[in-house]
Structures are given as C-alpha cells and as structure tokens.
C-alpha cells in the first residue's frame, strides 16, 4: 500500500509504506460548565481535535548517498512549499484529507537508516469525497442522497433573476431556512457557502459581491448522510429560478 500527497504517489520517491496509523476518529473532548450549588455540570457539547496520521515508511536506495539524496527530494515534496495538500491512501482512493507534514525530524533519521515515520496533520479531521456528490435542478426542488457518514457544509448556487425590489428567494434545506431579499441579475449566480459561512453574488465579469446583508438569517444549512435530503429554492414576488446546483462536499468521520 502507498499514499498520494499533493498529486504525487509515494512510489515515485522510492518509499515503501510499512504501516499507517489512522485513528478511528479525532480526539473528542466534552465541554462542560460547573455552576456552584448544582450537582454535576451543564453539558455544552463537544470539541473535536485535529487528526494526526502516522505513516511508517522504508526508503530504498543502492547506497547511503542515494538514500540521502532521496530524503532531500522527499522533504521537498512533503514540504509542498509550506502549503497543505490532498492526502489519499491506496486502500481508500475515493477519500482525501487536507493535510500537511509535521515533525520533520524523522526525515533526518531516515537519512541515516532509510526508515522513519511521517506524521501528517489534518486540521479538518474529516475525509472528503474525491468525486463529490453534485446535483442540479431547473425547478428549484431537489431530493437526493449523498455519500459519507458525517454532516457536510454544502455550496449552493442559484441562477435566475430576483425580480426587483420585492423579489428574492427562500432557500430551505433539511428544515433550515434562509430568505434572500436582494439583487440577482441575468447571468449572475447567488452562492451560499456553508463551509466559509458566507454568501455572495458572482457577477458576469467574474467578480464577487457580498450578499450577506440581504439574508434574514445566517443559519447556514447542512446536508446529512444516510437520509433523503430536501433542498427547495422558492422564488418570491416576480423572481424566477433558472437552475439550482448543490455541491455536497460529502465527507466521512
């Protein structure tokens, strides 16, 4: 088994994967509040930690010099210009983490022994679908099921026209409702991004214009695994809907 990071497979650098330690889930800590005079505590939910993935590898080479040269090439690849990269494992090629290498001292040890442990940090501990679930509708109504085991923060795109001052759209997904009372012209798109907690108009020239102030609520919707999701975009007043598109960002714990 091997892995792919930032679009490059481990085999291309002569790495043989000996073991992969992927926790069944990231660390979870309970949030509680103690109130004097009350038995026990108030349960305030949970906090989820980042995910640490350890990969034990063996680096092969014909000589110590060759191993040292390969270690430098591996370090440059995994450093990835100090950026995160998509991390995928051969036994789950349909899932990817956004990760970066940490604890690079192991690379120094590898230069001497040819063997070491690479530790990746996934700040977002969820694994995301490499080929996402994307659905479109020209009626403004969608019923769909998606992959994964965790709720996801979708990207919703609406094309149409808002129909003047009294027009707009009601956007409902799985019981969550947001009402938009703002402009949307021909050829423009209204984008609701639940992950970034933002909404904007994508203009015909490619520029973005914030649309947050035109919403009555900033309760951004989620898609849910293992059930039928219901998305409905209803025009208000003289508004019209040409197409609704949802990119689910399907994910797994």
Protein backbone atom coordinates (compact mmCIF):
# COMPACT_ATOMS: atom_id res chain seq x y z
CA UNK A 1 0.00 0.00 0.00
CA UNK A 2 1.13 3.54 -0.69
CA UNK A 3 -0.20 7.08 -0.49
CA UNK A 4 -0.58 10.14 -2.67
CA UNK A 5 0.22 13.62 -1.41
CA UNK A 6 -0.12 16.83 -3.44
CA UNK A 7 -0.73 14.74 -6.56
CA UNK A 8 2.43 12.60 -6.26
CA UNK A 9 2.44 8.91 -5.27
CA UNK A 10 4.92 7.63 -2.69
CA UNK A 11 6.31 5.06 -5.15
CA UNK A 12 7.66 7.88 -7.31
CA UNK A 13 10.11 8.67 -4.48
CA UNK A 14 11.03 5.07 -3.71
CA UNK A 15 9.01 4.96 -0.49
CA UNK A 16 7.58 1.69 0.75
CA UNK A 17 4.78 2.06 3.27
CA UNK A 18 5.18 -0.32 6.22
CA UNK A 19 2.30 0.85 8.42
CA UNK A 20 -0.38 3.53 8.58
CA UNK A 21 -1.96 4.63 11.84
CA UNK A 22 -5.25 6.40 11.19
CA UNK A 23 -7.29 6.91 14.37
CA UNK A 24 -10.88 5.71 14.06
CA UNK A 25 -11.85 9.30 14.87
CA UNK A 26 -10.16 12.52 16.04
CA UNK A 27 -9.94 13.27 19.73
CA UNK A 28 -13.22 14.40 21.28
CA UNK A 29 -13.44 16.42 24.50
CA UNK A 30 -16.65 17.23 26.35
CA UNK A 31 -17.41 20.91 27.03
CA UNK A 32 -18.98 21.42 30.45
CA UNK A 33 -19.81 24.31 32.75
CA UNK A 34 -19.82 23.97 36.52
CA UNK A 35 -22.40 26.06 38.37
CA UNK A 36 -21.99 26.47 42.14
CA UNK A 37 -24.76 24.77 44.07
CA UNK A 38 -25.76 22.49 41.18
CA UNK A 39 -25.00 18.80 41.23
CA UNK A 40 -22.87 17.79 38.28
CA UNK A 41 -22.25 20.09 35.32
CA UNK A 42 -24.04 21.51 32.28
CA UNK A 43 -23.31 19.63 29.09
CA UNK A 44 -22.25 22.19 26.44
CA UNK A 45 -21.49 19.74 23.66
CA UNK A 46 -18.10 18.62 22.42
CA UNK A 47 -14.87 19.93 20.92
CA UNK A 48 -13.22 17.92 18.14
CA UNK A 49 -9.44 17.92 17.74
CA UNK A 50 -7.40 17.82 14.56
CA UNK A 51 -6.44 14.42 13.15
CA UNK A 52 -2.86 13.08 13.26
CA UNK A 53 -1.97 10.36 10.75
CA UNK A 54 1.32 8.46 11.10
CA UNK A 55 2.89 6.66 8.14
CA UNK A 56 5.88 4.39 8.73
CA UNK A 57 7.97 4.17 5.58
CA UNK A 58 11.09 2.49 4.23
CA UNK A 59 13.23 4.36 1.74
CA UNK A 60 15.19 2.16 -0.62
CA UNK A 61 18.41 3.00 -2.46
CA UNK A 62 21.60 1.47 -3.80
CA UNK A 63 23.84 3.43 -1.44
CA UNK A 64 23.77 5.69 1.59
CA UNK A 65 24.43 8.64 -0.71
CA UNK A 66 21.43 7.72 -2.85
CA UNK A 67 19.23 7.42 0.24
CA UNK A 68 20.37 10.85 1.45
CA UNK A 69 19.58 12.36 -1.95
CA UNK A 70 16.16 10.75 -1.92
CA UNK A 71 15.46 12.02 1.58
CA UNK A 72 16.09 15.56 0.36
CA UNK A 73 13.72 15.00 -2.56
CA UNK A 74 11.09 13.53 -0.20
CA UNK A 75 11.47 16.51 2.16
CA UNK A 76 10.91 18.98 -0.69
CA UNK A 77 7.88 17.04 -1.92
CA UNK A 78 6.23 16.75 1.51
CA UNK A 79 7.11 20.33 2.47
CA UNK A 80 4.97 21.33 -0.53
CA UNK A 81 6.11 24.97 -0.38
CA UNK A 82 4.68 25.16 3.17
CA UNK A 83 1.18 24.55 1.84
CA UNK A 84 -1.36 21.87 2.65
CA UNK A 85 -2.02 19.15 0.09
CA UNK A 86 -4.56 16.44 -0.59
CA UNK A 87 -3.59 13.19 1.17
CA UNK A 88 -5.02 9.91 -0.13
CA UNK A 89 -4.26 6.28 0.70
CA UNK A 90 -4.37 3.41 -1.78
CA UNK A 91 -6.88 1.42 0.27
CA UNK A 92 -9.37 4.35 0.17
CA UNK A 93 -8.79 6.06 -3.18
CA UNK A 94 -12.22 7.72 -3.06
CA UNK A 95 -11.41 9.76 0.08
CA UNK A 96 -8.94 12.58 0.73
CA UNK A 97 -7.72 14.65 3.67
CA UNK A 98 -6.36 18.18 3.52
CA UNK A 99 -3.10 17.79 5.41
CA UNK A 100 0.46 18.96 5.95
CA UNK A 101 3.61 17.21 7.15
CA UNK A 102 4.72 17.82 10.75
CA UNK A 103 7.59 16.56 12.93
CA UNK A 104 10.15 16.62 10.13
CA UNK A 105 12.95 15.45 12.47
CA UNK A 106 12.02 11.91 11.37
CA UNK A 107 13.33 12.79 7.91
CA UNK A 108 16.78 13.39 9.39
CA UNK A 109 16.73 9.94 10.98
CA UNK A 110 15.60 8.44 7.69
CA UNK A 111 18.73 9.80 6.02
CA UNK A 112 20.77 7.51 8.29
CA UNK A 113 18.58 4.41 8.47
CA UNK A 114 16.35 4.56 5.42
CA UNK A 115 13.33 4.11 7.68
CA UNK A 116 11.17 6.58 9.57
CA UNK A 117 7.71 7.82 10.43
CA UNK A 118 5.94 10.62 8.60
CA UNK A 119 3.28 12.45 10.60
CA UNK A 120 0.55 14.36 8.79
CA UNK A 121 -1.75 16.87 10.46
CA UNK A 122 -5.28 17.23 9.12
CA UNK A 123 -6.64 20.41 10.72
CA UNK A 124 -10.05 19.43 9.34
CA UNK A 125 -10.31 15.84 10.60
CA UNK A 126 -12.91 14.74 8.04
CA UNK A 127 -12.14 12.76 4.89
CA UNK A 128 -13.83 14.21 1.80
CA UNK A 129 -15.07 12.53 -1.36
CA UNK A 130 -12.58 12.78 -4.22
CA UNK A 131 -15.53 12.74 -6.62
CA UNK A 132 -18.14 14.84 -4.85
CA UNK A 133 -21.92 14.49 -5.00
CA UNK A 134 -23.23 17.33 -7.17
CA UNK A 135 -26.93 17.75 -8.03
CA UNK A 136 -28.77 20.27 -10.21
CA UNK A 137 -32.40 21.17 -10.81
CA UNK A 138 -34.16 23.62 -13.11
CA UNK A 139 -37.31 23.59 -10.95
CA UNK A 140 -35.59 24.71 -7.75
CA UNK A 141 -36.51 21.46 -5.97
CA UNK A 142 -34.03 18.67 -5.24
CA UNK A 143 -34.34 15.40 -3.36
CA UNK A 144 -31.07 13.48 -3.06
CA UNK A 145 -28.90 11.12 -1.07
CA UNK A 146 -25.15 11.58 -0.70
CA UNK A 147 -22.12 9.55 0.30
CA UNK A 148 -20.37 9.71 3.65
CA UNK A 149 -21.06 9.34 7.36
CA UNK A 150 -20.77 12.95 8.63
CA UNK A 151 -22.92 16.06 8.05
CA UNK A 152 -21.41 18.29 5.38
CA UNK A 153 -21.32 22.02 4.65
CA UNK A 154 -22.51 22.39 1.06
CA UNK A 155 -22.07 25.00 -1.63
CA UNK A 156 -25.41 26.14 -3.12
CA UNK A 157 -25.58 28.11 -6.38
CA UNK A 158 -28.74 29.78 -7.68
CA UNK A 159 -29.16 31.27 -11.14
CA UNK A 160 -32.21 33.28 -12.16
CA UNK A 161 -33.48 36.82 -11.55
CA UNK A 162 -34.68 38.35 -8.31
CA UNK A 163 -37.40 40.39 -9.99
CA UNK A 164 -36.88 43.84 -8.47
CA UNK A 165 -37.17 45.31 -5.00
CA UNK A 166 -39.85 42.89 -3.71
CA UNK A 167 -38.28 39.79 -5.20
CA UNK A 168 -35.91 37.25 -3.75
CA UNK A 169 -35.68 33.61 -2.77
CA UNK A 170 -36.45 31.31 0.13
CA UNK A 171 -33.75 28.64 0.45
CA UNK A 172 -34.69 25.62 2.55
CA UNK A 173 -32.56 22.54 3.22
CA UNK A 174 -33.43 19.84 5.76
CA UNK A 175 -35.53 22.21 7.87
CA UNK A 176 -33.07 25.12 7.76
CA UNK A 177 -34.44 28.25 6.04
CA UNK A 178 -32.73 31.39 4.73
CA UNK A 179 -34.59 34.19 2.92
CA UNK A 180 -32.74 36.38 0.42
CA UNK A 181 -34.11 39.83 -0.44
CA UNK A 182 -31.52 41.32 -2.74
CA UNK A 183 -30.47 41.68 -6.38
CA UNK A 184 -29.78 38.87 -8.82
CA UNK A 185 -29.47 39.77 -12.47
CA UNK A 186 -29.42 37.78 -15.69
CA UNK A 187 -26.29 35.66 -15.94
CA UNK A 188 -25.35 36.14 -12.29
CA UNK A 189 -25.19 33.48 -9.57
CA UNK A 190 -26.16 33.70 -5.92
CA UNK A 191 -23.72 31.50 -3.98
CA UNK A 192 -24.27 30.26 -0.42
CA UNK A 193 -21.13 28.69 1.09
CA UNK A 194 -21.89 26.89 4.35
CA UNK A 195 -18.22 26.00 4.96
CA UNK A 196 -16.99 29.60 4.83
CA UNK A 197 -20.21 30.97 6.38
CA UNK A 198 -20.63 33.47 3.58
CA UNK A 199 -22.85 34.34 0.61
CA UNK A 200 -22.06 36.41 -2.45
CA UNK A 201 -23.14 37.31 -5.96
CA UNK A 202 -20.89 36.00 -8.71
CA UNK A 203 -21.13 38.74 -11.35
CA UNK A 204 -20.95 38.21 -15.11
CA UNK A 205 -17.40 39.61 -15.17
CA UNK A 206 -16.24 37.04 -12.59
CA UNK A 207 -16.08 39.42 -9.61
CA UNK A 208 -17.74 38.68 -6.27
CA UNK A 209 -20.07 40.95 -4.32
CA UNK A 210 -21.03 40.14 -0.74
CA UNK A 211 -24.70 39.22 -0.28
CA UNK A 212 -24.73 38.53 3.45
CA UNK A 213 -26.66 41.68 4.35
CA UNK A 214 -29.56 40.64 2.11
CA UNK A 215 -30.30 37.46 4.11
CA UNK A 216 -32.67 37.40 7.07
CA UNK A 217 -30.72 34.61 8.75
CA UNK A 218 -27.15 33.34 8.71
CA UNK A 219 -28.05 29.81 9.81
CA UNK A 220 -26.18 28.01 7.08
CA UNK A 221 -27.66 24.63 6.06
CA UNK A 222 -26.09 21.17 6.21
CA UNK A 223 -26.53 18.03 4.15
CA UNK A 224 -26.99 14.79 6.09
CA UNK A 225 -25.72 11.27 5.39
CA UNK A 226 -27.92 8.18 5.26
CA UNK A 227 -31.17 10.01 4.55
CA UNK A 228 -33.10 11.79 1.83
CA UNK A 229 -32.03 15.44 1.72
CA UNK A 230 -34.58 18.02 0.58
CA UNK A 231 -33.47 21.30 -0.99
CA UNK A 232 -36.05 23.83 -2.18
CA UNK A 233 -35.43 27.29 -3.60
CA UNK A 234 -38.72 29.19 -3.87
CA UNK A 235 -38.95 32.48 -5.80
CA UNK A 236 -40.59 35.46 -4.07
CA UNK A 237 -42.59 38.14 -5.87
CA UNK A 238 -41.54 38.39 -9.52
CA UNK A 239 -38.35 36.38 -9.05
CA UNK A 240 -37.54 33.41 -11.29
CA UNK A 241 -35.31 30.37 -10.80
CA UNK A 242 -33.39 29.02 -13.80
CA UNK A 243 -31.19 26.47 -12.05
CA UNK A 244 -30.16 25.34 -8.58
CA UNK A 245 -26.90 23.47 -8.03
CA UNK A 246 -25.63 21.94 -4.80
CA UNK A 247 -22.11 20.64 -4.26
CA UNK A 248 -22.48 18.46 -1.16
CA UNK A 249 -18.85 18.25 -0.01
CA UNK A 250 -19.63 14.70 1.11
CA UNK A 251 -17.43 13.55 3.98
CA UNK A 252 -16.64 10.79 6.47
CA UNK A 253 -15.68 10.79 10.14
